[in-house]
C-alpha atoms as a PDB file:
ATOM      1  CA  UNK A   1      54.967  32.351 -10.691  1.00  0.00           C
ATOM      2  CA  UNK A   2      51.363  30.434  -9.792  1.00  0.00           C
ATOM      3  CA  UNK A   3      47.894  31.391 -10.337  1.00  0.00           C
ATOM      4  CA  UNK A   4      45.573  29.405  -8.038  1.00  0.00           C
ATOM      5  CA  UNK A   5      42.372  28.498  -8.943  1.00  0.00           C
ATOM      6  CA  UNK A   6      40.597  30.380  -6.234  1.00  0.00           C
ATOM      7  CA  UNK A   7      41.542  33.803  -7.900  1.00  0.00           C
ATOM      8  CA  UNK A   8      39.097  33.202 -10.664  1.00  0.00           C
ATOM      9  CA  UNK A   9      36.721  31.560  -8.555  1.00  0.00           C
ATOM     10  CA  UNK A  10      36.378  34.968  -6.108  1.00  0.00           C
ATOM     11  CA  UNK A  11      33.087  36.813  -6.595  1.00  0.00           C
ATOM     12  CA  UNK A  12      34.248  40.191  -8.698  1.00  0.00           C
ATOM     13  CA  UNK A  13      34.088  43.270  -7.820  1.00  0.00           C
ATOM     14  CA  UNK A  14      32.625  44.580 -10.640  1.00  0.00           C
ATOM     15  CA  UNK A  15      29.051  44.576 -10.996  1.00  0.00           C
ATOM     16  CA  UNK A  16      26.928  43.528 -14.028  1.00  0.00           C
ATOM     17  CA  UNK A  17      24.268  45.489 -15.510  1.00  0.00           C
ATOM     18  CA  UNK A  18      20.844  44.509 -14.428  1.00  0.00           C
ATOM     19  CA  UNK A  19      18.782  42.443 -17.195  1.00  0.00           C
ATOM     20  CA  UNK A  20      15.141  42.553 -17.434  1.00  0.00           C
ATOM     21  CA  UNK A  21      12.951  45.782 -18.812  1.00  0.00           C
ATOM     22  CA  UNK A  22      14.198  49.519 -18.007  1.00  0.00           C
ATOM     23  CA  UNK A  23      12.341  52.605 -17.904  1.00  0.00           C
ATOM     24  CA  UNK A  24      11.782  54.107 -20.894  1.00  0.00           C
ATOM     25  CA  UNK A  25      13.138  57.620 -19.498  1.00  0.00           C
ATOM     26  CA  UNK A  26      16.366  55.669 -18.676  1.00  0.00           C
ATOM     27  CA  UNK A  27      16.746  54.962 -22.547  1.00  0.00           C
ATOM     28  CA  UNK A  28      15.369  58.139 -23.964  1.00  0.00           C
ATOM     29  CA  UNK A  29      16.325  61.201 -21.696  1.00  0.00           C
ATOM     30  CA  UNK A  30      19.793  61.424 -23.687  1.00  0.00           C
ATOM     31  CA  UNK A  31      18.331  61.330 -27.003  1.00  0.00           C
ATOM     32  CA  UNK A  32      14.910  64.040 -26.136  1.00  0.00           C
ATOM     33  CA  UNK A  33      17.401  65.964 -23.655  1.00  0.00           C
ATOM     34  CA  UNK A  34      20.080  67.012 -26.493  1.00  0.00           C
ATOM     35  CA  UNK A  35      17.263  67.176 -29.261  1.00  0.00           C
ATOM     36  CA  UNK A  36      15.786  69.825 -26.904  1.00  0.00           C
ATOM     37  CA  UNK A  37      18.885  71.676 -25.984  1.00  0.00           C
ATOM     38  CA  UNK A  38      19.364  71.952 -30.191  1.00  0.00           C
ATOM     39  CA  UNK A  39      16.364  73.689 -29.806  1.00  0.00           C
ATOM     40  CA  UNK A  40      16.883  75.982 -26.469  1.00  0.00           C
ATOM     41  CA  UNK A  41      13.772  73.925 -25.320  1.00  0.00           C
ATOM     42  CA  UNK A  42      16.090  72.113 -21.675  1.00  0.00           C
ATOM     43  CA  UNK A  43      12.470  72.054 -19.673  1.00  0.00           C
ATOM     44  CA  UNK A  44      10.669  69.504 -21.561  1.00  0.00           C
ATOM     45  CA  UNK A  45       7.519  69.762 -19.596  1.00  0.00           C
ATOM     46  CA  UNK A  46       7.311  72.716 -21.814  1.00  0.00           C
ATOM     47  CA  UNK A  47       6.355  70.627 -24.889  1.00  0.00           C
ATOM     48  CA  UNK A  48       5.373  68.081 -22.530  1.00  0.00           C
ATOM     49  CA  UNK A  49       2.643  70.090 -20.533  1.00  0.00           C
ATOM     50  CA  UNK A  50       2.320  72.363 -23.288  1.00  0.00           C
ATOM     51  CA  UNK A  51      -1.650  72.355 -22.935  1.00  0.00           C
ATOM     52  CA  UNK A  52      -1.995  72.120 -19.836  1.00  0.00           C
ATOM     53  CA  UNK A  53       0.418  75.344 -19.079  1.00  0.00           C
ATOM     54  CA  UNK A  54      -1.458  77.639 -21.536  1.00  0.00           C
ATOM     55  CA  UNK A  55      -4.845  76.053 -22.141  1.00  0.00           C
ATOM     56  CA  UNK A  56      -6.726  74.013 -24.333  1.00  0.00           C
ATOM     57  CA  UNK A  57      -8.411  76.441 -26.891  1.00  0.00           C
ATOM     58  CA  UNK A  58      -4.612  77.722 -27.043  1.00  0.00           C
ATOM     59  CA  UNK A  59      -2.726  74.036 -27.192  1.00  0.00           C
ATOM     60  CA  UNK A  60      -4.760  73.980 -29.881  1.00  0.00           C
ATOM     61  CA  UNK A  61      -3.398  75.942 -32.309  1.00  0.00           C
ATOM     62  CA  UNK A  62       0.132  77.172 -31.392  1.00  0.00           C
ATOM     63  CA  UNK A  63       2.695  74.838 -30.077  1.00  0.00           C
ATOM     64  CA  UNK A  64       6.536  76.227 -28.466  1.00  0.00           C
ATOM     65  CA  UNK A  65       9.455  75.042 -31.686  1.00  0.00           C
ATOM     66  CA  UNK A  66      11.858  76.969 -29.726  1.00  0.00           C
ATOM     67  CA  UNK A  67      13.973  79.739 -26.904  1.00  0.00           C
ATOM     68  CA  UNK A  68      15.589  81.965 -28.857  1.00  0.00           C
ATOM     69  CA  UNK A  69      18.190  83.143 -26.333  1.00  0.00           C
ATOM     70  CA  UNK A  70      20.124  86.570 -26.952  1.00  0.00           C
ATOM     71  CA  UNK A  71      23.909  86.194 -27.524  1.00  0.00           C
ATOM     72  CA  UNK A  72      26.367  86.410 -24.415  1.00  0.00           C
ATOM     73  CA  UNK A  73      28.129  89.427 -24.397  1.00  0.00           C
ATOM     74  CA  UNK A  74      31.878  89.042 -24.479  1.00  0.00           C
ATOM     75  CA  UNK A  75      32.374  90.907 -20.977  1.00  0.00           C
ATOM     76  CA  UNK A  76      29.106  90.009 -19.228  1.00  0.00           C
ATOM     77  CA  UNK A  77      29.249  90.781 -15.529  1.00  0.00           C
ATOM     78  CA  UNK A  78      28.713  87.074 -14.002  1.00  0.00           C
ATOM     79  CA  UNK A  79      26.672  88.860 -11.727  1.00  0.00           C
ATOM     80  CA  UNK A  80      24.044  90.587 -14.671  1.00  0.00           C
ATOM     81  CA  UNK A  81      20.701  88.061 -14.605  1.00  0.00           C
ATOM     82  CA  UNK A  82      20.451  87.088 -17.995  1.00  0.00           C
ATOM     83  CA  UNK A  83      18.792  88.151 -20.459  1.00  0.00           C
ATOM     84  CA  UNK A  84      14.975  86.756 -21.494  1.00  0.00           C
ATOM     85  CA  UNK A  85      14.616  84.361 -24.453  1.00  0.00           C
ATOM     86  CA  UNK A  86      11.872  84.686 -27.309  1.00  0.00           C
ATOM     87  CA  UNK A  87       9.285  81.741 -27.021  1.00  0.00           C
ATOM     88  CA  UNK A  88       9.103  80.745 -31.019  1.00  0.00           C
ATOM     89  CA  UNK A  89       5.753  79.413 -31.410  1.00  0.00           C
ATOM     90  CA  UNK A  90       4.367  77.046 -34.591  1.00  0.00           C
ATOM     91  CA  UNK A  91       0.948  78.523 -34.834  1.00  0.00           C
ATOM     92  CA  UNK A  92      -2.373  77.676 -37.358  1.00  0.00           C
ATOM     93  CA  UNK A  93      -3.018  80.606 -39.922  1.00  0.00           C
ATOM     94  CA  UNK A  94      -6.101  81.501 -39.290  1.00  0.00           C
ATOM     95  CA  UNK A  95      -5.157  81.762 -35.689  1.00  0.00           C
ATOM     96  CA  UNK A  96      -2.297  83.846 -36.038  1.00  0.00           C
ATOM     97  CA  UNK A  97      -4.039  86.870 -35.037  1.00  0.00           C
ATOM     98  CA  UNK A  98      -5.922  85.129 -31.868  1.00  0.00           C
ATOM     99  CA  UNK A  99      -2.235  84.521 -31.249  1.00  0.00           C
ATOM    100  CA  UNK A 100      -0.890  87.358 -30.779  1.00  0.00           C
ATOM    101  CA  UNK A 101      -3.790  89.172 -28.969  1.00  0.00           C
ATOM    102  CA  UNK A 102      -2.661  86.096 -25.862  1.00  0.00           C
ATOM    103  CA  UNK A 103       1.313  86.736 -26.799  1.00  0.00           C
ATOM    104  CA  UNK A 104       1.272  88.162 -22.727  1.00  0.00           C
ATOM    105  CA  UNK A 105      -0.975  85.718 -21.298  1.00  0.00           C
ATOM    106  CA  UNK A 106       1.038  82.860 -23.204  1.00  0.00           C
ATOM    107  CA  UNK A 107       4.546  84.295 -22.256  1.00  0.00           C
ATOM    108  CA  UNK A 108       2.864  84.862 -18.548  1.00  0.00           C
ATOM    109  CA  UNK A 109       2.004  81.575 -18.135  1.00  0.00           C
ATOM    110  CA  UNK A 110       5.083  80.251 -19.633  1.00  0.00           C
ATOM    111  CA  UNK A 111       7.047  82.306 -17.374  1.00  0.00           C
ATOM    112  CA  UNK A 112       4.788  80.698 -14.018  1.00  0.00           C
ATOM    113  CA  UNK A 113       4.978  77.318 -15.609  1.00  0.00           C
ATOM    114  CA  UNK A 114       9.307  77.968 -15.865  1.00  0.00           C
ATOM    115  CA  UNK A 115       9.426  79.696 -11.938  1.00  0.00           C
ATOM    116  CA  UNK A 116      11.523  82.932 -13.396  1.00  0.00           C
ATOM    117  CA  UNK A 117      11.561  85.259 -15.796  1.00  0.00           C
ATOM    118  CA  UNK A 118      12.696  82.917 -18.688  1.00  0.00           C
ATOM    119  CA  UNK A 119      10.466  84.582 -21.665  1.00  0.00           C
ATOM    120  CA  UNK A 120       9.844  87.798 -22.556  1.00  0.00           C
ATOM    121  CA  UNK A 121       8.210  87.677 -25.798  1.00  0.00           C
ATOM    122  CA  UNK A 122       7.061  85.513 -28.469  1.00  0.00           C
ATOM    123  CA  UNK A 123       7.599  85.232 -32.138  1.00  0.00           C
ATOM    124  CA  UNK A 124       5.613  83.802 -34.447  1.00  0.00           C
ATOM    125  CA  UNK A 125       6.341  80.757 -37.413  1.00  0.00           C
ATOM    126  CA  UNK A 126       2.290  80.155 -39.059  1.00  0.00           C
ATOM    127  CA  UNK A 127       2.851  76.137 -40.197  1.00  0.00           C
ATOM    128  CA  UNK A 128      -0.061  73.533 -40.320  1.00  0.00           C
ATOM    129  CA  UNK A 129      -0.274  71.691 -37.106  1.00  0.00           C
ATOM    130  CA  UNK A 130      -1.262  68.413 -36.702  1.00  0.00           C
ATOM    131  CA  UNK A 131      -3.763  67.680 -34.271  1.00  0.00           C
ATOM    132  CA  UNK A 132      -3.932  67.291 -29.979  1.00  0.00           C
ATOM    133  CA  UNK A 133      -4.336  64.057 -29.319  1.00  0.00           C
ATOM    134  CA  UNK A 134      -8.670  63.468 -27.766  1.00  0.00           C
ATOM    135  CA  UNK A 135      -8.597  62.532 -24.229  1.00  0.00           C
ATOM    136  CA  UNK A 136      -9.730  59.153 -23.702  1.00  0.00           C
ATOM    137  CA  UNK A 137     -13.441  59.138 -23.369  1.00  0.00           C
ATOM    138  CA  UNK A 138     -14.879  57.142 -19.718  1.00  0.00           C
ATOM    139  CA  UNK A 139     -16.238  53.200 -20.632  1.00  0.00           C
ATOM    140  CA  UNK A 140     -19.790  53.079 -21.057  1.00  0.00           C
ATOM    141  CA  UNK A 141     -21.437  52.183 -17.908  1.00  0.00           C
ATOM    142  CA  UNK A 142     -22.189  47.978 -18.285  1.00  0.00           C
ATOM    143  CA  UNK A 143     -26.223  46.793 -18.747  1.00  0.00           C
ATOM    144  CA  UNK A 144     -27.527  45.551 -15.383  1.00  0.00           C
ATOM    145  CA  UNK A 145     -27.811  41.993 -17.264  1.00  0.00           C
ATOM    146  CA  UNK A 146     -24.300  42.416 -17.483  1.00  0.00           C
ATOM    147  CA  UNK A 147     -23.956  43.387 -14.253  1.00  0.00           C
ATOM    148  CA  UNK A 148     -26.654  40.823 -12.487  1.00  0.00           C
ATOM    149  CA  UNK A 149     -24.135  38.194 -14.040  1.00  0.00           C
ATOM    150  CA  UNK A 150     -21.037  39.569 -13.034  1.00  0.00           C
ATOM    151  CA  UNK A 151     -22.340  39.723  -9.463  1.00  0.00           C
ATOM    152  CA  UNK A 152     -22.827  35.955  -9.048  1.00  0.00           C
ATOM    153  CA  UNK A 153     -19.372  34.790 -10.781  1.00  0.00           C
ATOM    154  CA  UNK A 154     -17.465  37.104  -7.818  1.00  0.00           C
ATOM    155  CA  UNK A 155     -19.940  35.911  -5.376  1.00  0.00           C
ATOM    156  CA  UNK A 156     -17.610  33.805  -3.592  1.00  0.00           C
ATOM    157  CA  UNK A 157     -14.751  36.318  -3.006  1.00  0.00           C
ATOM    158  CA  UNK A 158     -14.484  37.317  -0.314  1.00  0.00           C
ATOM    159  CA  UNK A 159     -12.857  40.960  -0.181  1.00  0.00           C
ATOM    160  CA  UNK A 160     -15.092  43.527  -0.877  1.00  0.00           C
ATOM    161  CA  UNK A 161     -12.881  46.456  -2.510  1.00  0.00           C
ATOM    162  CA  UNK A 162     -12.062  43.018  -4.592  1.00  0.00           C
ATOM    163  CA  UNK A 163     -15.319  42.277  -5.839  1.00  0.00           C
ATOM    164  CA  UNK A 164     -16.800  45.114  -6.661  1.00  0.00           C
ATOM    165  CA  UNK A 165     -13.699  46.105  -9.025  1.00  0.00           C
ATOM    166  CA  UNK A 166     -14.579  42.511 -10.441  1.00  0.00           C
ATOM    167  CA  UNK A 167     -17.629  42.879 -10.906  1.00  0.00           C
ATOM    168  CA  UNK A 168     -17.412  45.540 -12.867  1.00  0.00           C
ATOM    169  CA  UNK A 169     -14.171  44.603 -14.990  1.00  0.00           C
ATOM    170  CA  UNK A 170     -16.180  41.571 -15.447  1.00  0.00           C
ATOM    171  CA  UNK A 171     -19.377  43.000 -16.362  1.00  0.00           C
ATOM    172  CA  UNK A 172     -17.751  45.513 -19.664  1.00  0.00           C
ATOM    173  CA  UNK A 173     -16.237  42.948 -20.343  1.00  0.00           C
ATOM    174  CA  UNK A 174     -19.475  41.028 -21.077  1.00  0.00           C
ATOM    175  CA  UNK A 175     -20.820  43.484 -22.261  1.00  0.00           C
ATOM    176  CA  UNK A 176     -18.418  44.499 -25.079  1.00  0.00           C
ATOM    177  CA  UNK A 177     -18.212  40.056 -25.670  1.00  0.00           C
ATOM    178  CA  UNK A 178     -22.174  40.810 -26.785  1.00  0.00           C
ATOM    179  CA  UNK A 179     -21.438  44.064 -28.670  1.00  0.00           C
ATOM    180  CA  UNK A 180     -19.139  42.146 -31.011  1.00  0.00           C
ATOM    181  CA  UNK A 181     -20.181  39.483 -34.414  1.00  0.00           C
ATOM    182  CA  UNK A 182     -21.776  36.678 -33.380  1.00  0.00           C
ATOM    183  CA  UNK A 183     -22.376  38.398 -29.699  1.00  0.00           C
ATOM    184  CA  UNK A 184     -21.387  36.659 -26.509  1.00  0.00           C
ATOM    185  CA  UNK A 185     -18.499  33.961 -25.714  1.00  0.00           C
ATOM    186  CA  UNK A 186     -17.995  30.953 -27.801  1.00  0.00           C
ATOM    187  CA  UNK A 187     -19.674  27.654 -25.693  1.00  0.00           C
ATOM    188  CA  UNK A 188     -17.296  24.896 -25.196  1.00  0.00           C
ATOM    189  CA  UNK A 189     -17.302  21.806 -26.960  1.00  0.00           C
ATOM    190  CA  UNK A 190     -18.007  18.255 -25.272  1.00  0.00           C
END
């Protein structure tokens, strides 16, 4: 039995894995889902969108730790609805009393976010919380002098939208370079 060289040259039916950059979501999805599942948080958006769900005032002092589901009965009716869970929150000590007063609001907002009556009550665990990340401020408006200089540099561009975008970008870059020690762009040597 002889093997012909052409058989090795045929295109493979197996496909290669694509090279290059992959979305971060594709690389971390399994790790994040497994970690959240161990804590009973099957919904990653509960962690990611916590401030939007309950509001900044509550999110600053309370964060979700886990969803505790009641044990299932051995001979449970499959048609019976699942018993609601308890949402366990880490709460800053000084905010504990306020969080207890807001428990009904938290339950209502979490259930509205999830789209079903998932949470029935809230349990609190006091402890330190890392600070929330501050929202980025809008950059300051560029100075008139920098805008004029950037407009002169972008005058030859025909597309008005592109010209305006580059003018704004250039003006901010000019202002930023002048705020640095030594001020401005270094002059080219002759």
